[in-house]
């Protein structure tokens, strides 16, 4: 069985979990503790970042994009990458944008939200941290940092991302998938990064629906978040395994 080493709220780890479900592969999860746990990951894979998977043959693969390609080549069912060269190129371009430009801006939006929302800040802490410590974090005087929260996410980056996401949302009004007529890496990559803007049900009851209020309250993005929720519900349902 495949073992996935992850940070629970990492968008790239979510991308990997979604790919595993799309390929209908059984796997087990090992939660990595930030800091100490990353030394173990380094010994395993030669780097400290997650996700990392270890397959049934003890082969170690890191990086969500590399993992997805590996899973797709090893398992022919439910291909994540279209055979048509034009559709393939479109998928790769969307995946690259989601993993770089979109990921960076979404991460900044989450940091900004965490600065402004103490409950969100506390909920994002690892489960291993004692509740007494979490309560201290919750009471830290982050209000003094609210003035720099807009520096974390520039107005330009914020507006550019919202415009692009609004376009994606509009394009999905009468469509189920971003590219072609079947699930692909393009859908998974975009849906995973959206988790940083509005946490899905898979994030657990405390975080579900939380995130960047600026994006959550944007009516033009409502369809996009509904699409993401439907996609996750399908992938993580019992029938998808």
C-alpha atoms as a PDB file:
ATOM      1  CA  UNK A   1       0.000   0.000   0.000  1.00  0.00           C
ATOM      2  CA  UNK A   2       1.097   3.565  -0.703  1.00  0.00           C
ATOM      3  CA  UNK A   3       2.092   5.739   2.264  1.00  0.00           C
ATOM      4  CA  UNK A   4       1.578   9.498   1.964  1.00  0.00           C
ATOM      5  CA  UNK A   5       3.608  11.804   4.187  1.00  0.00           C
ATOM      6  CA  UNK A   6       1.864  15.143   4.446  1.00  0.00           C
ATOM      7  CA  UNK A   7       0.915  18.342   6.224  1.00  0.00           C
ATOM      8  CA  UNK A   8      -2.836  18.117   6.634  1.00  0.00           C
ATOM      9  CA  UNK A   9      -3.659  21.614   5.392  1.00  0.00           C
ATOM     10  CA  UNK A  10      -1.120  21.789   2.571  1.00  0.00           C
ATOM     11  CA  UNK A  11      -2.771  22.425  -0.793  1.00  0.00           C
ATOM     12  CA  UNK A  12      -0.109  20.297  -2.503  1.00  0.00           C
ATOM     13  CA  UNK A  13      -0.819  17.400  -0.152  1.00  0.00           C
ATOM     14  CA  UNK A  14      -4.524  17.796  -0.876  1.00  0.00           C
ATOM     15  CA  UNK A  15      -3.675  17.692  -4.589  1.00  0.00           C
ATOM     16  CA  UNK A  16      -1.890  14.383  -4.018  1.00  0.00           C
ATOM     17  CA  UNK A  17      -4.778  12.918  -2.017  1.00  0.00           C
ATOM     18  CA  UNK A  18      -7.222  13.932  -4.734  1.00  0.00           C
ATOM     19  CA  UNK A  19      -5.027  12.265  -7.364  1.00  0.00           C
ATOM     20  CA  UNK A  20      -4.838   9.064  -5.299  1.00  0.00           C
ATOM     21  CA  UNK A  21      -8.625   8.991  -5.020  1.00  0.00           C
ATOM     22  CA  UNK A  22      -9.059   9.778  -8.712  1.00  0.00           C
ATOM     23  CA  UNK A  23      -6.830   6.811  -9.525  1.00  0.00           C
ATOM     24  CA  UNK A  24      -8.796   4.687  -7.001  1.00  0.00           C
ATOM     25  CA  UNK A  25      -5.646   3.743  -5.097  1.00  0.00           C
ATOM     26  CA  UNK A  26      -5.538   2.615  -1.487  1.00  0.00           C
ATOM     27  CA  UNK A  27      -3.156   4.573   0.718  1.00  0.00           C
ATOM     28  CA  UNK A  28      -2.367   5.440   4.300  1.00  0.00           C
ATOM     29  CA  UNK A  29      -1.449   8.852   5.678  1.00  0.00           C
ATOM     30  CA  UNK A  30       1.435   9.796   7.936  1.00  0.00           C
ATOM     31  CA  UNK A  31       1.066  13.304   9.347  1.00  0.00           C
ATOM     32  CA  UNK A  32       4.395  15.128   9.499  1.00  0.00           C
ATOM     33  CA  UNK A  33       5.018  17.461  12.426  1.00  0.00           C
ATOM     34  CA  UNK A  34       6.442  20.750  11.106  1.00  0.00           C
ATOM     35  CA  UNK A  35      10.024  21.132  12.236  1.00  0.00           C
ATOM     36  CA  UNK A  36      11.034  17.900  13.966  1.00  0.00           C
ATOM     37  CA  UNK A  37       9.078  15.670  11.622  1.00  0.00           C
ATOM     38  CA  UNK A  38      10.714  17.251   8.592  1.00  0.00           C
ATOM     39  CA  UNK A  39      14.093  15.804   9.602  1.00  0.00           C
ATOM     40  CA  UNK A  40      12.576  12.345   9.197  1.00  0.00           C
ATOM     41  CA  UNK A  41      11.279  13.341   5.775  1.00  0.00           C
ATOM     42  CA  UNK A  42      14.774  14.547   4.864  1.00  0.00           C
ATOM     43  CA  UNK A  43      16.262  11.180   5.809  1.00  0.00           C
ATOM     44  CA  UNK A  44      13.593   9.453   3.749  1.00  0.00           C
ATOM     45  CA  UNK A  45      13.579  11.580   0.605  1.00  0.00           C
ATOM     46  CA  UNK A  46      16.593  13.910   0.736  1.00  0.00           C
ATOM     47  CA  UNK A  47      14.462  17.037   1.161  1.00  0.00           C
ATOM     48  CA  UNK A  48      12.194  18.473   3.855  1.00  0.00           C
ATOM     49  CA  UNK A  49       9.126  19.294   1.802  1.00  0.00           C
ATOM     50  CA  UNK A  50       5.928  17.306   1.549  1.00  0.00           C
ATOM     51  CA  UNK A  51       4.072  15.592  -0.018  1.00  0.00           C
ATOM     52  CA  UNK A  52       6.193  12.462  -0.250  1.00  0.00           C
ATOM     53  CA  UNK A  53       4.874   9.008  -1.087  1.00  0.00           C
ATOM     54  CA  UNK A  54       6.422   5.594  -0.602  1.00  0.00           C
ATOM     55  CA  UNK A  55       4.910   2.915  -2.819  1.00  0.00           C
ATOM     56  CA  UNK A  56       4.551  -0.808  -2.133  1.00  0.00           C
ATOM     57  CA  UNK A  57       8.031  -1.375  -3.582  1.00  0.00           C
ATOM     58  CA  UNK A  58       9.545   1.199  -1.187  1.00  0.00           C
ATOM     59  CA  UNK A  59      10.133   3.646  -4.018  1.00  0.00           C
ATOM     60  CA  UNK A  60      10.169   7.225  -2.709  1.00  0.00           C
ATOM     61  CA  UNK A  61       8.652  10.023  -4.813  1.00  0.00           C
ATOM     62  CA  UNK A  62       8.354  13.680  -3.798  1.00  0.00           C
ATOM     63  CA  UNK A  63       6.721  16.799  -5.252  1.00  0.00           C
ATOM     64  CA  UNK A  64       2.989  16.736  -6.012  1.00  0.00           C
ATOM     65  CA  UNK A  65       3.416  17.133  -9.782  1.00  0.00           C
ATOM     66  CA  UNK A  66       5.999  14.356  -9.982  1.00  0.00           C
ATOM     67  CA  UNK A  67       3.806  12.140  -7.804  1.00  0.00           C
ATOM     68  CA  UNK A  68       0.785  12.700 -10.052  1.00  0.00           C
ATOM     69  CA  UNK A  69       2.775  11.794 -13.172  1.00  0.00           C
ATOM     70  CA  UNK A  70       4.126   8.700 -11.414  1.00  0.00           C
ATOM     71  CA  UNK A  71       0.658   7.579 -10.289  1.00  0.00           C
ATOM     72  CA  UNK A  72      -0.733   8.132 -13.775  1.00  0.00           C
ATOM     73  CA  UNK A  73       1.998   6.061 -15.450  1.00  0.00           C
ATOM     74  CA  UNK A  74       1.795   3.232 -12.924  1.00  0.00           C
ATOM     75  CA  UNK A  75      -2.001   2.979 -13.081  1.00  0.00           C
ATOM     76  CA  UNK A  76      -3.792   3.262 -16.413  1.00  0.00           C
ATOM     77  CA  UNK A  77      -7.300   3.634 -14.959  1.00  0.00           C
ATOM     78  CA  UNK A  78      -8.820   7.123 -14.897  1.00  0.00           C
ATOM     79  CA  UNK A  79      -5.955   8.981 -16.606  1.00  0.00           C
ATOM     80  CA  UNK A  80      -5.163  12.419 -15.202  1.00  0.00           C
ATOM     81  CA  UNK A  81      -3.476  13.611 -18.394  1.00  0.00           C
ATOM     82  CA  UNK A  82      -5.394  13.601 -21.722  1.00  0.00           C
ATOM     83  CA  UNK A  83      -3.888  11.803 -24.706  1.00  0.00           C
ATOM     84  CA  UNK A  84      -4.894  14.606 -27.074  1.00  0.00           C
ATOM     85  CA  UNK A  85      -1.787  16.858 -27.338  1.00  0.00           C
ATOM     86  CA  UNK A  86      -3.761  20.107 -27.263  1.00  0.00           C
ATOM     87  CA  UNK A  87      -5.755  19.083 -24.191  1.00  0.00           C
ATOM     88  CA  UNK A  88      -2.572  17.759 -22.587  1.00  0.00           C
ATOM     89  CA  UNK A  89      -0.841  21.108 -23.117  1.00  0.00           C
ATOM     90  CA  UNK A  90      -3.830  22.978 -21.676  1.00  0.00           C
ATOM     91  CA  UNK A  91      -3.789  20.760 -18.581  1.00  0.00           C
ATOM     92  CA  UNK A  92      -0.069  21.244 -18.033  1.00  0.00           C
ATOM     93  CA  UNK A  93      -0.350  25.018 -18.408  1.00  0.00           C
ATOM     94  CA  UNK A  94      -3.199  25.175 -15.885  1.00  0.00           C
ATOM     95  CA  UNK A  95      -1.351  22.893 -13.467  1.00  0.00           C
ATOM     96  CA  UNK A  96       1.807  25.008 -13.723  1.00  0.00           C
ATOM     97  CA  UNK A  97      -0.153  28.227 -13.086  1.00  0.00           C
ATOM     98  CA  UNK A  98      -2.012  26.675 -10.153  1.00  0.00           C
ATOM     99  CA  UNK A  99       1.192  25.349  -8.578  1.00  0.00           C
ATOM    100  CA  UNK A 100       3.106  28.624  -8.923  1.00  0.00           C
ATOM    101  CA  UNK A 101       1.313  31.958  -9.372  1.00  0.00           C
ATOM    102  CA  UNK A 102      -2.021  30.861  -7.915  1.00  0.00           C
ATOM    103  CA  UNK A 103      -0.390  28.949  -5.056  1.00  0.00           C
ATOM    104  CA  UNK A 104       1.743  31.921  -4.032  1.00  0.00           C
ATOM    105  CA  UNK A 105      -1.175  34.359  -3.976  1.00  0.00           C
ATOM    106  CA  UNK A 106      -3.516  31.909  -2.230  1.00  0.00           C
ATOM    107  CA  UNK A 107      -0.901  31.294   0.452  1.00  0.00           C
ATOM    108  CA  UNK A 108      -0.532  35.049   0.999  1.00  0.00           C
ATOM    109  CA  UNK A 109      -4.322  35.398   1.217  1.00  0.00           C
ATOM    110  CA  UNK A 110      -4.407  32.684   3.882  1.00  0.00           C
ATOM    111  CA  UNK A 111      -1.616  34.358   5.871  1.00  0.00           C
ATOM    112  CA  UNK A 112      -3.484  37.668   5.675  1.00  0.00           C
ATOM    113  CA  UNK A 113      -6.669  35.975   6.898  1.00  0.00           C
ATOM    114  CA  UNK A 114      -4.808  34.271   9.749  1.00  0.00           C
ATOM    115  CA  UNK A 115      -3.364  37.599  10.863  1.00  0.00           C
ATOM    116  CA  UNK A 116      -6.834  39.122  10.970  1.00  0.00           C
ATOM    117  CA  UNK A 117      -8.704  36.098  12.388  1.00  0.00           C
ATOM    118  CA  UNK A 118      -7.393  34.593  15.664  1.00  0.00           C
ATOM    119  CA  UNK A 119      -9.772  31.613  15.477  1.00  0.00           C
ATOM    120  CA  UNK A 120      -8.473  30.690  12.046  1.00  0.00           C
ATOM    121  CA  UNK A 121      -4.907  31.182  13.235  1.00  0.00           C
ATOM    122  CA  UNK A 122      -5.418  28.755  16.107  1.00  0.00           C
ATOM    123  CA  UNK A 123      -7.283  26.193  14.000  1.00  0.00           C
ATOM    124  CA  UNK A 124      -4.340  25.985  11.596  1.00  0.00           C
ATOM    125  CA  UNK A 125      -1.934  24.914  14.337  1.00  0.00           C
ATOM    126  CA  UNK A 126      -0.927  21.215  14.350  1.00  0.00           C
ATOM    127  CA  UNK A 127      -2.971  18.896  16.570  1.00  0.00           C
ATOM    128  CA  UNK A 128       0.167  17.995  18.516  1.00  0.00           C
ATOM    129  CA  UNK A 129       0.328  21.479  20.045  1.00  0.00           C
ATOM    130  CA  UNK A 130      -1.313  21.502  23.521  1.00  0.00           C
ATOM    131  CA  UNK A 131      -4.559  23.437  23.875  1.00  0.00           C
ATOM    132  CA  UNK A 132      -2.907  25.644  26.519  1.00  0.00           C
ATOM    133  CA  UNK A 133      -0.362  26.806  23.952  1.00  0.00           C
ATOM    134  CA  UNK A 134      -3.071  27.304  21.320  1.00  0.00           C
ATOM    135  CA  UNK A 135      -4.986  29.554  23.705  1.00  0.00           C
ATOM    136  CA  UNK A 136      -1.875  31.711  24.122  1.00  0.00           C
ATOM    137  CA  UNK A 137      -1.494  32.023  20.345  1.00  0.00           C
ATOM    138  CA  UNK A 138      -5.157  32.974  20.133  1.00  0.00           C
ATOM    139  CA  UNK A 139      -4.588  35.867  22.538  1.00  0.00           C
ATOM    140  CA  UNK A 140      -1.404  37.233  21.005  1.00  0.00           C
ATOM    141  CA  UNK A 141      -1.679  40.941  20.055  1.00  0.00           C
ATOM    142  CA  UNK A 142      -1.896  40.333  16.326  1.00  0.00           C
ATOM    143  CA  UNK A 143      -4.157  43.371  16.029  1.00  0.00           C
ATOM    144  CA  UNK A 144      -0.971  45.394  15.819  1.00  0.00           C
ATOM    145  CA  UNK A 145      -0.154  43.470  12.639  1.00  0.00           C
ATOM    146  CA  UNK A 146      -3.456  44.173  10.947  1.00  0.00           C
ATOM    147  CA  UNK A 147      -1.953  47.225   9.272  1.00  0.00           C
ATOM    148  CA  UNK A 148       0.641  45.083   7.510  1.00  0.00           C
ATOM    149  CA  UNK A 149      -1.807  42.367   6.461  1.00  0.00           C
ATOM    150  CA  UNK A 150      -2.396  44.320   3.248  1.00  0.00           C
ATOM    151  CA  UNK A 151       1.343  44.270   2.621  1.00  0.00           C
ATOM    152  CA  UNK A 152       1.350  40.456   2.772  1.00  0.00           C
ATOM    153  CA  UNK A 153      -1.106  40.347  -0.134  1.00  0.00           C
ATOM    154  CA  UNK A 154      -0.689  43.252  -2.541  1.00  0.00           C
ATOM    155  CA  UNK A 155      -3.769  44.789  -4.124  1.00  0.00           C
ATOM    156  CA  UNK A 156      -2.393  44.021  -7.585  1.00  0.00           C
ATOM    157  CA  UNK A 157      -1.878  40.307  -6.922  1.00  0.00           C
ATOM    158  CA  UNK A 158      -5.234  40.111  -5.180  1.00  0.00           C
ATOM    159  CA  UNK A 159      -7.152  41.715  -8.045  1.00  0.00           C
ATOM    160  CA  UNK A 160      -5.364  39.693 -10.716  1.00  0.00           C
ATOM    161  CA  UNK A 161      -6.163  36.412  -8.971  1.00  0.00           C
ATOM    162  CA  UNK A 162      -9.782  37.358  -8.406  1.00  0.00           C
ATOM    163  CA  UNK A 163     -10.233  38.278 -12.084  1.00  0.00           C
ATOM    164  CA  UNK A 164      -8.766  34.976 -13.242  1.00  0.00           C
ATOM    165  CA  UNK A 165     -10.803  32.964 -10.749  1.00  0.00           C
ATOM    166  CA  UNK A 166     -13.947  34.829 -11.776  1.00  0.00           C
ATOM    167  CA  UNK A 167     -13.223  33.847 -15.383  1.00  0.00           C
ATOM    168  CA  UNK A 168     -12.775  30.210 -14.358  1.00  0.00           C
ATOM    169  CA  UNK A 169     -15.982  30.363 -12.339  1.00  0.00           C
ATOM    170  CA  UNK A 170     -17.884  31.700 -15.345  1.00  0.00           C
ATOM    171  CA  UNK A 171     -16.403  29.046 -17.638  1.00  0.00           C
ATOM    172  CA  UNK A 172     -17.692  26.285 -15.346  1.00  0.00           C
ATOM    173  CA  UNK A 173     -21.329  27.405 -15.292  1.00  0.00           C
ATOM    174  CA  UNK A 174     -22.284  24.864 -17.949  1.00  0.00           C
ATOM    175  CA  UNK A 175     -19.250  22.592 -17.651  1.00  0.00           C
ATOM    176  CA  UNK A 176     -18.159  19.893 -15.240  1.00  0.00           C
ATOM    177  CA  UNK A 177     -14.445  19.951 -16.037  1.00  0.00           C
ATOM    178  CA  UNK A 178     -11.929  22.634 -16.960  1.00  0.00           C
ATOM    179  CA  UNK A 179     -10.366  20.761 -19.874  1.00  0.00           C
ATOM    180  CA  UNK A 180     -12.166  18.252 -22.064  1.00  0.00           C
ATOM    181  CA  UNK A 181     -15.003  16.075 -20.840  1.00  0.00           C
ATOM    182  CA  UNK A 182     -13.303  14.141 -18.022  1.00  0.00           C
ATOM    183  CA  UNK A 183     -11.485  14.814 -14.766  1.00  0.00           C
ATOM    184  CA  UNK A 184      -7.882  15.867 -15.259  1.00  0.00           C
ATOM    185  CA  UNK A 185      -4.878  17.227 -13.432  1.00  0.00           C
ATOM    186  CA  UNK A 186      -6.136  20.720 -14.308  1.00  0.00           C
ATOM    187  CA  UNK A 187      -9.255  20.261 -12.145  1.00  0.00           C
ATOM    188  CA  UNK A 188      -7.315  18.731  -9.268  1.00  0.00           C
ATOM    189  CA  UNK A 189      -4.620  21.434  -9.270  1.00  0.00           C
ATOM    190  CA  UNK A 190      -7.085  24.338  -9.211  1.00  0.00           C
ATOM    191  CA  UNK A 191      -9.398  22.710  -6.662  1.00  0.00           C
ATOM    192  CA  UNK A 192      -6.502  21.991  -4.310  1.00  0.00           C
ATOM    193  CA  UNK A 193      -5.262  25.590  -4.236  1.00  0.00           C
ATOM    194  CA  UNK A 194      -8.807  26.880  -3.683  1.00  0.00           C
ATOM    195  CA  UNK A 195      -8.654  25.173  -0.284  1.00  0.00           C
ATOM    196  CA  UNK A 196      -6.434  28.022   0.940  1.00  0.00           C
ATOM    197  CA  UNK A 197      -9.096  30.578   0.048  1.00  0.00           C
ATOM    198  CA  UNK A 198     -12.041  28.632   1.455  1.00  0.00           C
ATOM    199  CA  UNK A 199     -11.391  25.418   3.316  1.00  0.00           C
ATOM    200  CA  UNK A 200     -13.445  22.437   2.061  1.00  0.00           C
ATOM    201  CA  UNK A 201     -15.227  19.776   4.117  1.00  0.00           C
ATOM    202  CA  UNK A 202     -12.140  17.565   3.912  1.00  0.00           C
ATOM    203  CA  UNK A 203     -10.322  20.091   6.145  1.00  0.00           C
ATOM    204  CA  UNK A 204     -12.570  19.081   9.061  1.00  0.00           C
ATOM    205  CA  UNK A 205     -15.505  20.735  10.836  1.00  0.00           C
ATOM    206  CA  UNK A 206     -13.453  23.467  12.520  1.00  0.00           C
ATOM    207  CA  UNK A 207     -11.919  24.814   9.310  1.00  0.00           C
ATOM    208  CA  UNK A 208     -14.627  23.922   6.788  1.00  0.00           C
ATOM    209  CA  UNK A 209     -15.923  27.118   5.167  1.00  0.00           C
ATOM    210  CA  UNK A 210     -13.237  29.302   6.771  1.00  0.00           C
ATOM    211  CA  UNK A 211     -10.658  31.273   4.825  1.00  0.00           C
ATOM    212  CA  UNK A 212     -10.292  34.600   3.079  1.00  0.00           C
ATOM    213  CA  UNK A 213     -13.550  36.494   3.487  1.00  0.00           C
ATOM    214  CA  UNK A 214     -12.712  38.694   0.514  1.00  0.00           C
ATOM    215  CA  UNK A 215     -12.838  35.663  -1.778  1.00  0.00           C
ATOM    216  CA  UNK A 216     -15.598  33.828   0.089  1.00  0.00           C
ATOM    217  CA  UNK A 217     -17.897  36.854  -0.137  1.00  0.00           C
ATOM    218  CA  UNK A 218     -17.209  37.455  -3.834  1.00  0.00           C
ATOM    219  CA  UNK A 219     -20.511  36.428  -5.508  1.00  0.00           C
ATOM    220  CA  UNK A 220     -18.747  35.798  -8.821  1.00  0.00           C
ATOM    221  CA  UNK A 221     -16.702  33.017  -7.192  1.00  0.00           C
ATOM    222  CA  UNK A 222     -19.650  31.181  -5.658  1.00  0.00           C
ATOM    223  CA  UNK A 223     -19.966  28.827  -8.626  1.00  0.00           C
ATOM    224  CA  UNK A 224     -16.248  28.028  -8.465  1.00  0.00           C
ATOM    225  CA  UNK A 225     -16.410  27.000  -4.807  1.00  0.00           C
ATOM    226  CA  UNK A 226     -19.553  24.928  -5.488  1.00  0.00           C
ATOM    227  CA  UNK A 227     -17.690  23.193  -8.320  1.00  0.00           C
ATOM    228  CA  UNK A 228     -14.751  22.518  -5.990  1.00  0.00           C
ATOM    229  CA  UNK A 229     -17.043  21.113  -3.296  1.00  0.00           C
ATOM    230  CA  UNK A 230     -18.793  18.826  -5.775  1.00  0.00           C
ATOM    231  CA  UNK A 231     -15.455  17.613  -7.108  1.00  0.00           C
ATOM    232  CA  UNK A 232     -14.174  16.798  -3.620  1.00  0.00           C
ATOM    233  CA  UNK A 233     -17.405  15.113  -2.635  1.00  0.00           C
ATOM    234  CA  UNK A 234     -17.141  12.858  -5.666  1.00  0.00           C
ATOM    235  CA  UNK A 235     -13.469  12.024  -5.161  1.00  0.00           C
ATOM    236  CA  UNK A 236     -13.627  11.435  -1.405  1.00  0.00           C
ATOM    237  CA  UNK A 237     -16.895   9.527  -1.375  1.00  0.00           C
ATOM    238  CA  UNK A 238     -16.879   5.839  -0.484  1.00  0.00           C
ATOM    239  CA  UNK A 239     -17.654   4.969  -4.103  1.00  0.00           C
ATOM    240  CA  UNK A 240     -14.465   6.602  -5.338  1.00  0.00           C
ATOM    241  CA  UNK A 241     -12.245   4.167  -3.483  1.00  0.00           C
END
